Amino acid sequence: MYTTLISAHQLQTLFGSAQPPMVFDCSFELMQAGAGDLQYLQAHIPGAVRADLDRHLSAAKSASDAASGGRHPLPSRATFAAWLDHIGLTPALQVVVYDRQGVNYCGRLWWMLKWMGHDKVAVLDGGLQAWQALGGPTDSATELDLTAIKFNENMPLAPENTALATTNTIAVNLQKSTQTLIDARGAPRYRGEVEPLDPVAGHIPGALNRPFSLNFNADGTFKSASDLRAEFETLLDGRDPATVVHHCGSGVSAVPNIIAMEVAGLGKTALYAGSWSEWCSDPSRPVAKG
C-alpha cells in the first residue's frame, strides 16, 4: 500500500498487478481557466480520471454546506463522497494522483481522500513529467468523458484520517505553544510585500514561512526524507511537530508541506483549509507583515 509517494517505476509495476490502481489527473492552472482540461485532453496516463480543482475538489460558490471558507472552500464530506461514488472509487482501490504543476494541485486530492478515510492514496513523485521521462505511455482525447467509469458500491463516510483546523481553532490558539502555523506561500506574499490574489497582504501572526517549492529537487521529485527532516527541524527550532497546522492562500499549495513532513517521519499534521483567504476576509482578525 502506498500512502505518501509512489515513483513512476512503482506505478508501472502496479499497472501490471492483479489490482491496478485508480489514477487521477489533477492538472490545473490558477490563472488560466480550463487549461488543466486541455492538458488532460492532450496527454494523460491511460485510464486517468479527470479531477478539477474548481469542479470536483472545491465547493460550489453557492454551497451552504462547505467544510471551509476561502477562495477554494472544501466541499462537505457527503458531497465529495457522492462524487467518489459516481466515478467508481471503492475503499479497496489504491489511488495515485498526479499533475504537471509540482504537486500544487494533486496534493489537494491526496489530502481530501485522507480526509475521507481513504488511506491508500499516493502522489506520483515527479508528476506526469517523471512518468513520461520513464517512457510511460499517455493517451489523448478530444473531449472529457464524464460517464466512462461505472458505479460500484457506495463510498462510505469512513473516519477522517487527517486533521482539519478551523478559523476558530486558529484564532483561539494564536501565538500559543499548542499551535505552530506554517505558511506555504512564497516569501514576498508572506511578508506582505505583494498580494496578487487576496484583498489583504500579510500573514497570520506567529506563522512560520516554508514555501512549498522548497520540498522538491530540480527534477520535481521530493527531496530525501533525511533532507526534509533536517529542513523542517531547523524551521521548527524545537517546536513539537504534532502542533503544526499548515496553510497557504486557499488551502491547496500547503499540502506539499504536509506530505513532506510525513515523508520526513515527522508524523501527520493539520491543514487550515480556509487559509489566508479565509483569515483575511474578516478585518477584525490580526495581520502581521515582515
C-alpha atoms as a PDB file:
ATOM      1  CA  MET A   1       0.000   0.000   0.000  1.00  0.00           C
ATOM      2  CA  TYR A   2       1.324   3.434  -0.971  1.00  0.00           C
ATOM      3  CA  THR A   3       0.235   6.267   1.317  1.00  0.00           C
ATOM      4  CA  THR A   4       2.548   9.208   0.565  1.00  0.00           C
ATOM      5  CA  LEU A   5       4.638   8.940  -2.617  1.00  0.00           C
ATOM      6  CA  ILE A   6       4.926   6.471  -5.469  1.00  0.00           C
ATOM      7  CA  SER A   7       7.640   6.535  -8.135  1.00  0.00           C
ATOM      8  CA  ALA A   8       6.933   6.253 -11.846  1.00  0.00           C
ATOM      9  CA  HIS A   9       8.606   2.836 -11.866  1.00  0.00           C
ATOM     10  CA  GLN A  10       6.453   1.627  -8.958  1.00  0.00           C
ATOM     11  CA  LEU A  11       3.348   2.850 -10.775  1.00  0.00           C
ATOM     12  CA  GLN A  12       4.324   0.890 -13.877  1.00  0.00           C
ATOM     13  CA  THR A  13       4.620  -2.212 -11.704  1.00  0.00           C
ATOM     14  CA  LEU A  14       1.208  -1.569 -10.158  1.00  0.00           C
ATOM     15  CA  PHE A  15      -0.419  -1.333 -13.569  1.00  0.00           C
ATOM     16  CA  GLY A  16       0.794  -4.862 -14.262  1.00  0.00           C
ATOM     17  CA  SER A  17      -0.564  -6.260 -10.994  1.00  0.00           C
ATOM     18  CA  ALA A  18      -3.796  -8.106 -10.332  1.00  0.00           C
ATOM     19  CA  GLN A  19      -5.239  -4.952  -8.741  1.00  0.00           C
ATOM     20  CA  PRO A  20      -4.338  -1.917 -10.891  1.00  0.00           C
ATOM     21  CA  PRO A  21      -4.615   1.491  -9.228  1.00  0.00           C
ATOM     22  CA  MET A  22      -7.169   4.199  -9.891  1.00  0.00           C
ATOM     23  CA  VAL A  23      -5.293   7.207 -11.262  1.00  0.00           C
ATOM     24  CA  PHE A  24      -6.371  10.855 -11.222  1.00  0.00           C
ATOM     25  CA  ASP A  25      -5.065  13.720 -13.347  1.00  0.00           C
ATOM     26  CA  CYS A  26      -5.391  16.919 -11.302  1.00  0.00           C
ATOM     27  CA  SER A  27      -3.633  19.319 -13.664  1.00  0.00           C
ATOM     28  CA  PHE A  28      -4.757  22.910 -13.187  1.00  0.00           C
ATOM     29  CA  GLU A  29      -3.600  26.449 -13.927  1.00  0.00           C
ATOM     30  CA  LEU A  30      -4.784  29.001 -11.383  1.00  0.00           C
ATOM     31  CA  MET A  31      -4.742  31.945 -13.767  1.00  0.00           C
ATOM     32  CA  GLN A  32      -5.958  30.073 -16.874  1.00  0.00           C
ATOM     33  CA  ALA A  33      -9.447  28.659 -16.546  1.00  0.00           C
ATOM     34  CA  GLY A  34      -9.829  25.411 -18.460  1.00  0.00           C
ATOM     35  CA  ALA A  35      -6.101  24.950 -19.072  1.00  0.00           C
ATOM     36  CA  GLY A  36      -5.970  21.816 -16.948  1.00  0.00           C
ATOM     37  CA  ASP A  37      -8.732  20.220 -19.002  1.00  0.00           C
ATOM     38  CA  LEU A  38      -6.825  20.983 -22.212  1.00  0.00           C
ATOM     39  CA  GLN A  39      -3.642  19.498 -20.740  1.00  0.00           C
ATOM     40  CA  TYR A  40      -5.551  16.354 -19.804  1.00  0.00           C
ATOM     41  CA  LEU A  41      -7.009  16.056 -23.292  1.00  0.00           C
ATOM     42  CA  GLN A  42      -3.584  16.460 -24.866  1.00  0.00           C
ATOM     43  CA  ALA A  43      -1.867  13.825 -22.719  1.00  0.00           C
ATOM     44  CA  HIS A  44      -2.767  11.814 -19.631  1.00  0.00           C
ATOM     45  CA  ILE A  45      -1.820   8.476 -18.105  1.00  0.00           C
ATOM     46  CA  PRO A  46      -4.065   5.816 -19.666  1.00  0.00           C
ATOM     47  CA  GLY A  47      -7.262   5.400 -17.678  1.00  0.00           C
ATOM     48  CA  ALA A  48      -6.697   8.503 -15.557  1.00  0.00           C
ATOM     49  CA  VAL A  49      -9.834  10.162 -14.211  1.00  0.00           C
ATOM     50  CA  ARG A  50     -10.035  13.934 -14.546  1.00  0.00           C
ATOM     51  CA  ALA A  51     -10.186  15.763 -11.202  1.00  0.00           C
ATOM     52  CA  ASP A  52     -10.508  19.532 -11.496  1.00  0.00           C
ATOM     53  CA  LEU A  53      -9.801  21.846  -8.582  1.00  0.00           C
ATOM     54  CA  ASP A  54     -12.838  24.036  -9.247  1.00  0.00           C
ATOM     55  CA  ARG A  55     -15.362  21.419 -10.380  1.00  0.00           C
ATOM     56  CA  HIS A  56     -14.529  18.436  -8.173  1.00  0.00           C
ATOM     57  CA  LEU A  57     -12.215  19.459  -5.334  1.00  0.00           C
ATOM     58  CA  SER A  58     -13.865  22.683  -4.195  1.00  0.00           C
ATOM     59  CA  ALA A  59     -17.374  23.523  -3.053  1.00  0.00           C
ATOM     60  CA  ALA A  60     -19.632  25.463  -5.377  1.00  0.00           C
ATOM     61  CA  LYS A  61     -19.742  29.174  -4.578  1.00  0.00           C
ATOM     62  CA  SER A  62     -23.425  28.793  -3.683  1.00  0.00           C
ATOM     63  CA  ALA A  63     -22.911  25.734  -1.442  1.00  0.00           C
ATOM     64  CA  SER A  64     -24.371  26.120   2.030  1.00  0.00           C
ATOM     65  CA  ASP A  65     -22.592  23.064   3.427  1.00  0.00           C
ATOM     66  CA  ALA A  66     -18.968  23.861   2.515  1.00  0.00           C
ATOM     67  CA  ALA A  67     -16.477  22.490   5.051  1.00  0.00           C
ATOM     68  CA  SER A  68     -14.280  25.594   4.924  1.00  0.00           C
ATOM     69  CA  GLY A  69     -14.182  29.139   3.627  1.00  0.00           C
ATOM     70  CA  GLY A  70     -11.623  30.852   1.443  1.00  0.00           C
ATOM     71  CA  ARG A  71     -11.118  31.005  -2.311  1.00  0.00           C
ATOM     72  CA  HIS A  72     -11.252  27.212  -2.699  1.00  0.00           C
ATOM     73  CA  PRO A  73     -13.648  26.045   0.026  1.00  0.00           C
ATOM     74  CA  LEU A  74     -13.742  22.344   0.760  1.00  0.00           C
ATOM     75  CA  PRO A  75     -16.963  20.602  -0.233  1.00  0.00           C
ATOM     76  CA  SER A  76     -18.762  18.748   2.537  1.00  0.00           C
ATOM     77  CA  ARG A  77     -17.621  15.181   3.083  1.00  0.00           C
ATOM     78  CA  ALA A  78     -21.033  13.941   1.943  1.00  0.00           C
ATOM     79  CA  THR A  79     -20.858  15.915  -1.321  1.00  0.00           C
ATOM     80  CA  PHE A  80     -17.341  14.697  -2.026  1.00  0.00           C
ATOM     81  CA  ALA A  81     -18.308  11.104  -1.185  1.00  0.00           C
ATOM     82  CA  ALA A  82     -21.117  11.316  -3.749  1.00  0.00           C
ATOM     83  CA  TRP A  83     -18.614  12.283  -6.461  1.00  0.00           C
ATOM     84  CA  LEU A  84     -16.244   9.475  -5.434  1.00  0.00           C
ATOM     85  CA  ASP A  85     -19.127   7.029  -5.675  1.00  0.00           C
ATOM     86  CA  HIS A  86     -20.092   8.425  -9.084  1.00  0.00           C
ATOM     87  CA  ILE A  87     -16.623   7.848 -10.531  1.00  0.00           C
ATOM     88  CA  GLY A  88     -16.418   4.348  -9.070  1.00  0.00           C
ATOM     89  CA  LEU A  89     -13.879   4.635  -6.274  1.00  0.00           C
ATOM     90  CA  THR A  90     -14.131   1.863  -3.682  1.00  0.00           C
ATOM     91  CA  PRO A  91     -12.247   1.509  -0.369  1.00  0.00           C
ATOM     92  CA  ALA A  92     -10.120  -1.371  -1.672  1.00  0.00           C
ATOM     93  CA  LEU A  93      -8.551   0.593  -4.529  1.00  0.00           C
ATOM     94  CA  GLN A  94      -5.060   2.029  -4.442  1.00  0.00           C
ATOM     95  CA  VAL A  95      -5.252   5.609  -5.704  1.00  0.00           C
ATOM     96  CA  VAL A  96      -2.456   7.526  -7.437  1.00  0.00           C
ATOM     97  CA  VAL A  97      -2.779  11.252  -8.066  1.00  0.00           C
ATOM     98  CA  TYR A  98      -0.632  13.476 -10.267  1.00  0.00           C
ATOM     99  CA  ASP A  99      -0.443  16.815 -12.028  1.00  0.00           C
ATOM    100  CA  ARG A 100       2.050  18.776 -14.108  1.00  0.00           C
ATOM    101  CA  GLN A 101       2.439  21.604 -11.597  1.00  0.00           C
ATOM    102  CA  GLY A 102       4.729  20.256  -8.889  1.00  0.00           C
ATOM    103  CA  VAL A 103       2.098  18.617  -6.661  1.00  0.00           C
ATOM    104  CA  ASN A 104       0.430  22.004  -6.319  1.00  0.00           C
ATOM    105  CA  TYR A 105      -2.997  20.573  -7.193  1.00  0.00           C
ATOM    106  CA  CYS A 106      -2.903  16.773  -6.927  1.00  0.00           C
ATOM    107  CA  GLY A 107      -1.899  17.181  -3.289  1.00  0.00           C
ATOM    108  CA  ARG A 108      -5.373  18.581  -2.677  1.00  0.00           C
ATOM    109  CA  LEU A 109      -6.989  15.312  -3.786  1.00  0.00           C
ATOM    110  CA  TRP A 110      -4.415  13.306  -1.795  1.00  0.00           C
ATOM    111  CA  TRP A 111      -5.407  15.227   1.348  1.00  0.00           C
ATOM    112  CA  MET A 112      -9.143  15.062   0.650  1.00  0.00           C
ATOM    113  CA  LEU A 113      -9.052  11.286   0.243  1.00  0.00           C
ATOM    114  CA  LYS A 114      -7.248  11.011   3.593  1.00  0.00           C
ATOM    115  CA  TRP A 115      -9.954  13.269   4.994  1.00  0.00           C
ATOM    116  CA  MET A 116     -12.485  10.747   3.693  1.00  0.00           C
ATOM    117  CA  GLY A 117     -10.642   7.936   5.494  1.00  0.00           C
ATOM    118  CA  HIS A 118      -9.136   6.502   2.284  1.00  0.00           C
ATOM    119  CA  ASP A 119      -5.504   5.966   3.259  1.00  0.00           C
ATOM    120  CA  LYS A 120      -4.450   4.097   0.109  1.00  0.00           C
ATOM    121  CA  VAL A 121      -3.556   7.194  -1.888  1.00  0.00           C
ATOM    122  CA  ALA A 122      -0.150   8.339  -3.089  1.00  0.00           C
ATOM    123  CA  VAL A 123       1.248  11.213  -5.117  1.00  0.00           C
ATOM    124  CA  LEU A 124       3.172  10.327  -8.275  1.00  0.00           C
ATOM    125  CA  ASP A 125       6.628  11.634  -7.369  1.00  0.00           C
ATOM    126  CA  GLY A 126       7.773  13.988 -10.108  1.00  0.00           C
ATOM    127  CA  GLY A 127       4.329  14.173 -11.701  1.00  0.00           C
ATOM    128  CA  LEU A 128       3.454  13.414 -15.294  1.00  0.00           C
ATOM    129  CA  GLN A 129       6.932  14.571 -16.283  1.00  0.00           C
ATOM    130  CA  ALA A 130       8.510  11.678 -14.349  1.00  0.00           C
ATOM    131  CA  TRP A 131       6.105   9.205 -15.968  1.00  0.00           C
ATOM    132  CA  GLN A 132       6.961  10.454 -19.459  1.00  0.00           C
ATOM    133  CA  ALA A 133      10.695  10.515 -18.704  1.00  0.00           C
ATOM    134  CA  LEU A 134      10.468   6.812 -17.876  1.00  0.00           C
ATOM    135  CA  GLY A 135       8.765   6.157 -21.196  1.00  0.00           C
ATOM    136  CA  GLY A 136       5.340   5.618 -19.678  1.00  0.00           C
ATOM    137  CA  PRO A 137       2.502   5.735 -22.225  1.00  0.00           C
ATOM    138  CA  THR A 138      -0.043   8.534 -22.431  1.00  0.00           C
ATOM    139  CA  ASP A 139      -3.440   8.827 -24.046  1.00  0.00           C
ATOM    140  CA  SER A 140      -5.107  11.823 -25.629  1.00  0.00           C
ATOM    141  CA  ALA A 141      -8.778  12.613 -26.093  1.00  0.00           C
ATOM    142  CA  THR A 142     -10.982  15.032 -27.989  1.00  0.00           C
ATOM    143  CA  GLU A 143     -13.473  15.628 -25.172  1.00  0.00           C
ATOM    144  CA  LEU A 144     -13.907  14.917 -21.498  1.00  0.00           C
ATOM    145  CA  ASP A 145     -15.796  11.679 -20.889  1.00  0.00           C
ATOM    146  CA  LEU A 146     -17.637  12.029 -17.605  1.00  0.00           C
ATOM    147  CA  THR A 147     -19.543   8.742 -17.904  1.00  0.00           C
ATOM    148  CA  ALA A 148     -16.754   6.272 -18.686  1.00  0.00           C
ATOM    149  CA  ILE A 149     -16.497   4.907 -15.133  1.00  0.00           C
ATOM    150  CA  LYS A 150     -19.484   2.944 -13.920  1.00  0.00           C
ATOM    151  CA  PHE A 151     -20.991   2.951 -10.446  1.00  0.00           C
ATOM    152  CA  ASN A 152     -19.724   0.491  -7.864  1.00  0.00           C
ATOM    153  CA  GLU A 153     -20.619   0.180  -4.194  1.00  0.00           C
ATOM    154  CA  ASN A 154     -21.346   3.363  -2.277  1.00  0.00           C
ATOM    155  CA  MET A 155     -18.301   5.184  -0.960  1.00  0.00           C
ATOM    156  CA  PRO A 156     -18.680   5.085   2.845  1.00  0.00           C
ATOM    157  CA  LEU A 157     -18.038   8.051   5.100  1.00  0.00           C
ATOM    158  CA  ALA A 158     -15.137   6.467   6.949  1.00  0.00           C
ATOM    159  CA  PRO A 159     -13.468   8.177   9.932  1.00  0.00           C
ATOM    160  CA  GLU A 160     -11.228  11.067   8.948  1.00  0.00           C
ATOM    161  CA  ASN A 161      -7.552  10.188   8.623  1.00  0.00           C
ATOM    162  CA  THR A 162      -6.255  13.738   8.739  1.00  0.00           C
ATOM    163  CA  ALA A 163      -6.897  16.865  10.795  1.00  0.00           C
ATOM    164  CA  LEU A 164      -8.812  19.890   9.543  1.00  0.00           C
ATOM    165  CA  ALA A 165      -8.332  23.109  11.503  1.00  0.00           C
ATOM    166  CA  THR A 166     -10.957  25.856  11.511  1.00  0.00           C
ATOM    167  CA  THR A 167     -10.582  29.610  11.711  1.00  0.00           C
ATOM    168  CA  ASN A 168     -11.907  29.490  15.260  1.00  0.00           C
ATOM    169  CA  THR A 169      -9.302  26.968  16.412  1.00  0.00           C
ATOM    170  CA  ILE A 170      -6.552  29.024  14.748  1.00  0.00           C
ATOM    171  CA  ALA A 171      -7.755  32.185  16.483  1.00  0.00           C
ATOM    172  CA  VAL A 172      -8.177  30.578  19.909  1.00  0.00           C
ATOM    173  CA  ASN A 173      -4.673  29.102  19.812  1.00  0.00           C
ATOM    174  CA  LEU A 174      -2.911  32.057  18.179  1.00  0.00           C
ATOM    175  CA  GLN A 175       0.625  32.578  19.497  1.00  0.00           C
ATOM    176  CA  LYS A 176       0.301  29.617  21.888  1.00  0.00           C
ATOM    177  CA  SER A 177       2.799  26.743  22.116  1.00  0.00           C
ATOM    178  CA  THR A 178      -0.023  24.312  21.346  1.00  0.00           C
ATOM    179  CA  GLN A 179      -0.147  25.567  17.751  1.00  0.00           C
ATOM    180  CA  THR A 180       2.612  26.104  15.200  1.00  0.00           C
ATOM    181  CA  LEU A 181       1.435  27.704  11.953  1.00  0.00           C
ATOM    182  CA  ILE A 182       3.397  27.119   8.755  1.00  0.00           C
ATOM    183  CA  ASP A 183       2.577  29.304   5.754  1.00  0.00           C
ATOM    184  CA  ALA A 184       3.427  27.702   2.381  1.00  0.00           C
ATOM    185  CA  ARG A 185       3.177  30.847   0.264  1.00  0.00           C
ATOM    186  CA  GLY A 186       6.192  32.495  -1.329  1.00  0.00           C
ATOM    187  CA  ALA A 187       8.232  34.763   0.928  1.00  0.00           C
ATOM    188  CA  PRO A 188       7.127  38.088  -0.660  1.00  0.00           C
ATOM    189  CA  ARG A 189       3.445  37.222  -0.113  1.00  0.00           C
ATOM    190  CA  TYR A 190       4.142  36.006   3.407  1.00  0.00           C
ATOM    191  CA  ARG A 191       5.948  39.257   4.244  1.00  0.00           C
ATOM    192  CA  GLY A 192       3.083  41.282   2.785  1.00  0.00           C
ATOM    193  CA  GLU A 193       5.188  42.898   0.064  1.00  0.00           C
ATOM    194  CA  VAL A 194       2.826  41.703  -2.692  1.00  0.00           C
ATOM    195  CA  GLU A 195      -0.643  40.156  -2.772  1.00  0.00           C
ATOM    196  CA  PRO A 196      -1.887  39.171  -6.231  1.00  0.00           C
ATOM    197  CA  LEU A 197      -4.942  37.163  -5.159  1.00  0.00           C
ATOM    198  CA  ASP A 198      -6.409  38.247  -1.838  1.00  0.00           C
ATOM    199  CA  PRO A 199      -7.633  41.675  -0.673  1.00  0.00           C
ATOM    200  CA  VAL A 200      -5.223  41.948   2.261  1.00  0.00           C
ATOM    201  CA  ALA A 201      -1.443  41.433   2.271  1.00  0.00           C
ATOM    202  CA  GLY A 202       0.496  39.843   5.111  1.00  0.00           C
ATOM    203  CA  HIS A 203       0.305  36.688   7.203  1.00  0.00           C
ATOM    204  CA  ILE A 204      -1.299  35.246  10.325  1.00  0.00           C
ATOM    205  CA  PRO A 205       0.648  36.474  13.376  1.00  0.00           C
ATOM    206  CA  GLY A 206       3.224  33.979  14.581  1.00  0.00           C
ATOM    207  CA  ALA A 207       3.210  31.892  11.408  1.00  0.00           C
ATOM    208  CA  LEU A 208       6.488  30.483  10.124  1.00  0.00           C
ATOM    209  CA  ASN A 209       7.212  30.570   6.381  1.00  0.00           C
ATOM    210  CA  ARG A 210       8.062  27.453   4.353  1.00  0.00           C
ATOM    211  CA  PRO A 211       7.336  27.972   0.625  1.00  0.00           C
ATOM    212  CA  PHE A 212       6.057  24.632  -0.662  1.00  0.00           C
ATOM    213  CA  SER A 213       8.545  24.706  -3.560  1.00  0.00           C
ATOM    214  CA  LEU A 214      11.392  24.087  -1.106  1.00  0.00           C
ATOM    215  CA  ASN A 215      10.335  20.438  -0.811  1.00  0.00           C
ATOM    216  CA  PHE A 216      11.495  19.491  -4.309  1.00  0.00           C
ATOM    217  CA  ASN A 217      14.616  18.568  -6.183  1.00  0.00           C
ATOM    218  CA  ALA A 218      15.358  20.184  -9.542  1.00  0.00           C
ATOM    219  CA  ASP A 219      13.578  17.328 -11.357  1.00  0.00           C
ATOM    220  CA  GLY A 220      10.342  17.886  -9.433  1.00  0.00           C
ATOM    221  CA  THR A 221      10.671  14.877  -7.139  1.00  0.00           C
ATOM    222  CA  PHE A 222      10.552  15.280  -3.368  1.00  0.00           C
ATOM    223  CA  LYS A 223      13.832  15.681  -1.546  1.00  0.00           C
ATOM    224  CA  SER A 224      15.075  12.758   0.528  1.00  0.00           C
ATOM    225  CA  ALA A 225      13.438  12.030   3.866  1.00  0.00           C
ATOM    226  CA  SER A 226      16.627  12.959   5.703  1.00  0.00           C
ATOM    227  CA  ASP A 227      16.961  16.318   3.923  1.00  0.00           C
ATOM    228  CA  LEU A 228      13.319  17.167   4.532  1.00  0.00           C
ATOM    229  CA  ARG A 229      13.573  16.220   8.189  1.00  0.00           C
ATOM    230  CA  ALA A 230      16.644  18.413   8.668  1.00  0.00           C
ATOM    231  CA  GLU A 231      14.993  21.378   6.980  1.00  0.00           C
ATOM    232  CA  PHE A 232      11.747  21.130   8.942  1.00  0.00           C
ATOM    233  CA  GLU A 233      13.567  20.615  12.241  1.00  0.00           C
ATOM    234  CA  THR A 234      15.565  23.767  11.532  1.00  0.00           C
ATOM    235  CA  LEU A 235      12.358  25.645  10.754  1.00  0.00           C
ATOM    236  CA  LEU A 236      10.551  24.352  13.847  1.00  0.00           C
ATOM    237  CA  ASP A 237      13.531  25.117  16.094  1.00  0.00           C
ATOM    238  CA  GLY A 238      12.417  22.822  18.905  1.00  0.00           C
ATOM    239  CA  ARG A 239       8.665  23.184  18.418  1.00  0.00           C
ATOM    240  CA  ASP A 240       6.651  19.970  18.551  1.00  0.00           C
ATOM    241  CA  PRO A 241       5.804  18.745  15.015  1.00  0.00           C
ATOM    242  CA  ALA A 242       2.470  17.491  16.369  1.00  0.00           C
ATOM    243  CA  THR A 243       1.377  21.126  16.904  1.00  0.00           C
ATOM    244  CA  VAL A 244       1.852  22.108  13.250  1.00  0.00           C
ATOM    245  CA  VAL A 245      -1.045  23.496  11.211  1.00  0.00           C
ATOM    246  CA  HIS A 246      -0.318  24.175   7.553  1.00  0.00           C
ATOM    247  CA  HIS A 247      -1.900  26.830   5.391  1.00  0.00           C
ATOM    248  CA  CYS A 248      -1.300  28.876   2.258  1.00  0.00           C
ATOM    249  CA  GLY A 249      -3.561  31.193   0.271  1.00  0.00           C
ATOM    250  CA  SER A 250      -6.558  28.892  -0.174  1.00  0.00           C
ATOM    251  CA  GLY A 251      -5.630  25.518   1.310  1.00  0.00           C
ATOM    252  CA  VAL A 252      -4.176  23.954  -1.832  1.00  0.00           C
ATOM    253  CA  SER A 253      -0.413  24.534  -2.065  1.00  0.00           C
ATOM    254  CA  ALA A 254       0.016  23.906   1.675  1.00  0.00           C
ATOM    255  CA  VAL A 255      -0.390  20.167   1.126  1.00  0.00           C
ATOM    256  CA  PRO A 256       3.135  19.511  -0.232  1.00  0.00           C
ATOM    257  CA  ASN A 257       4.408  20.636   3.177  1.00  0.00           C
ATOM    258  CA  ILE A 258       2.074  18.123   4.852  1.00  0.00           C
ATOM    259  CA  ILE A 259       3.335  15.349   2.584  1.00  0.00           C
ATOM    260  CA  ALA A 260       6.952  16.395   3.123  1.00  0.00           C
ATOM    261  CA  MET A 261       6.650  16.257   6.914  1.00  0.00           C
ATOM    262  CA  GLU A 262       5.085  12.802   6.687  1.00  0.00           C
ATOM    263  CA  VAL A 263       7.815  11.592   4.327  1.00  0.00           C
ATOM    264  CA  ALA A 264      10.368  13.031   6.761  1.00  0.00           C
ATOM    265  CA  GLY A 265       8.962  10.880   9.553  1.00  0.00           C
ATOM    266  CA  LEU A 266       7.616  13.859  11.493  1.00  0.00           C
ATOM    267  CA  GLY A 267       4.072  12.487  11.601  1.00  0.00           C
ATOM    268  CA  LYS A 268       0.686  13.677  10.452  1.00  0.00           C
ATOM    269  CA  THR A 269      -0.038  17.386  10.691  1.00  0.00           C
ATOM    270  CA  ALA A 270      -3.154  19.517  10.302  1.00  0.00           C
ATOM    271  CA  LEU A 271      -4.439  21.696   7.453  1.00  0.00           C
ATOM    272  CA  TYR A 272      -6.205  25.030   7.785  1.00  0.00           C
ATOM    273  CA  ALA A 273      -8.101  24.716   4.517  1.00  0.00           C
ATOM    274  CA  GLY A 274      -9.568  28.222   4.575  1.00  0.00           C
ATOM    275  CA  SER A 275      -6.025  29.562   4.866  1.00  0.00           C
ATOM    276  CA  TRP A 276      -5.074  33.198   4.344  1.00  0.00           C
ATOM    277  CA  SER A 277      -8.022  33.945   2.045  1.00  0.00           C
ATOM    278  CA  GLU A 278     -10.468  32.988   4.804  1.00  0.00           C
ATOM    279  CA  TRP A 279      -8.452  34.542   7.612  1.00  0.00           C
ATOM    280  CA  CYS A 280      -8.103  37.949   5.943  1.00  0.00           C
ATOM    281  CA  SER A 281     -11.780  38.087   4.923  1.00  0.00           C
ATOM    282  CA  ASP A 282     -12.640  39.441   8.392  1.00  0.00           C
ATOM    283  CA  PRO A 283     -10.966  42.804   9.107  1.00  0.00           C
ATOM    284  CA  SER A 284     -11.199  42.155  12.854  1.00  0.00           C
ATOM    285  CA  ARG A 285      -8.586  39.398  12.628  1.00  0.00           C
ATOM    286  CA  PRO A 286      -4.967  40.415  13.225  1.00  0.00           C
ATOM    287  CA  VAL A 287      -2.476  40.635  10.369  1.00  0.00           C
ATOM    288  CA  ALA A 288       1.326  40.624  10.543  1.00  0.00           C
ATOM    289  CA  LYS A 289       3.856  41.822   7.967  1.00  0.00           C
ATOM    290  CA  GLY A 290       7.573  41.436   7.545  1.00  0.00           C
END
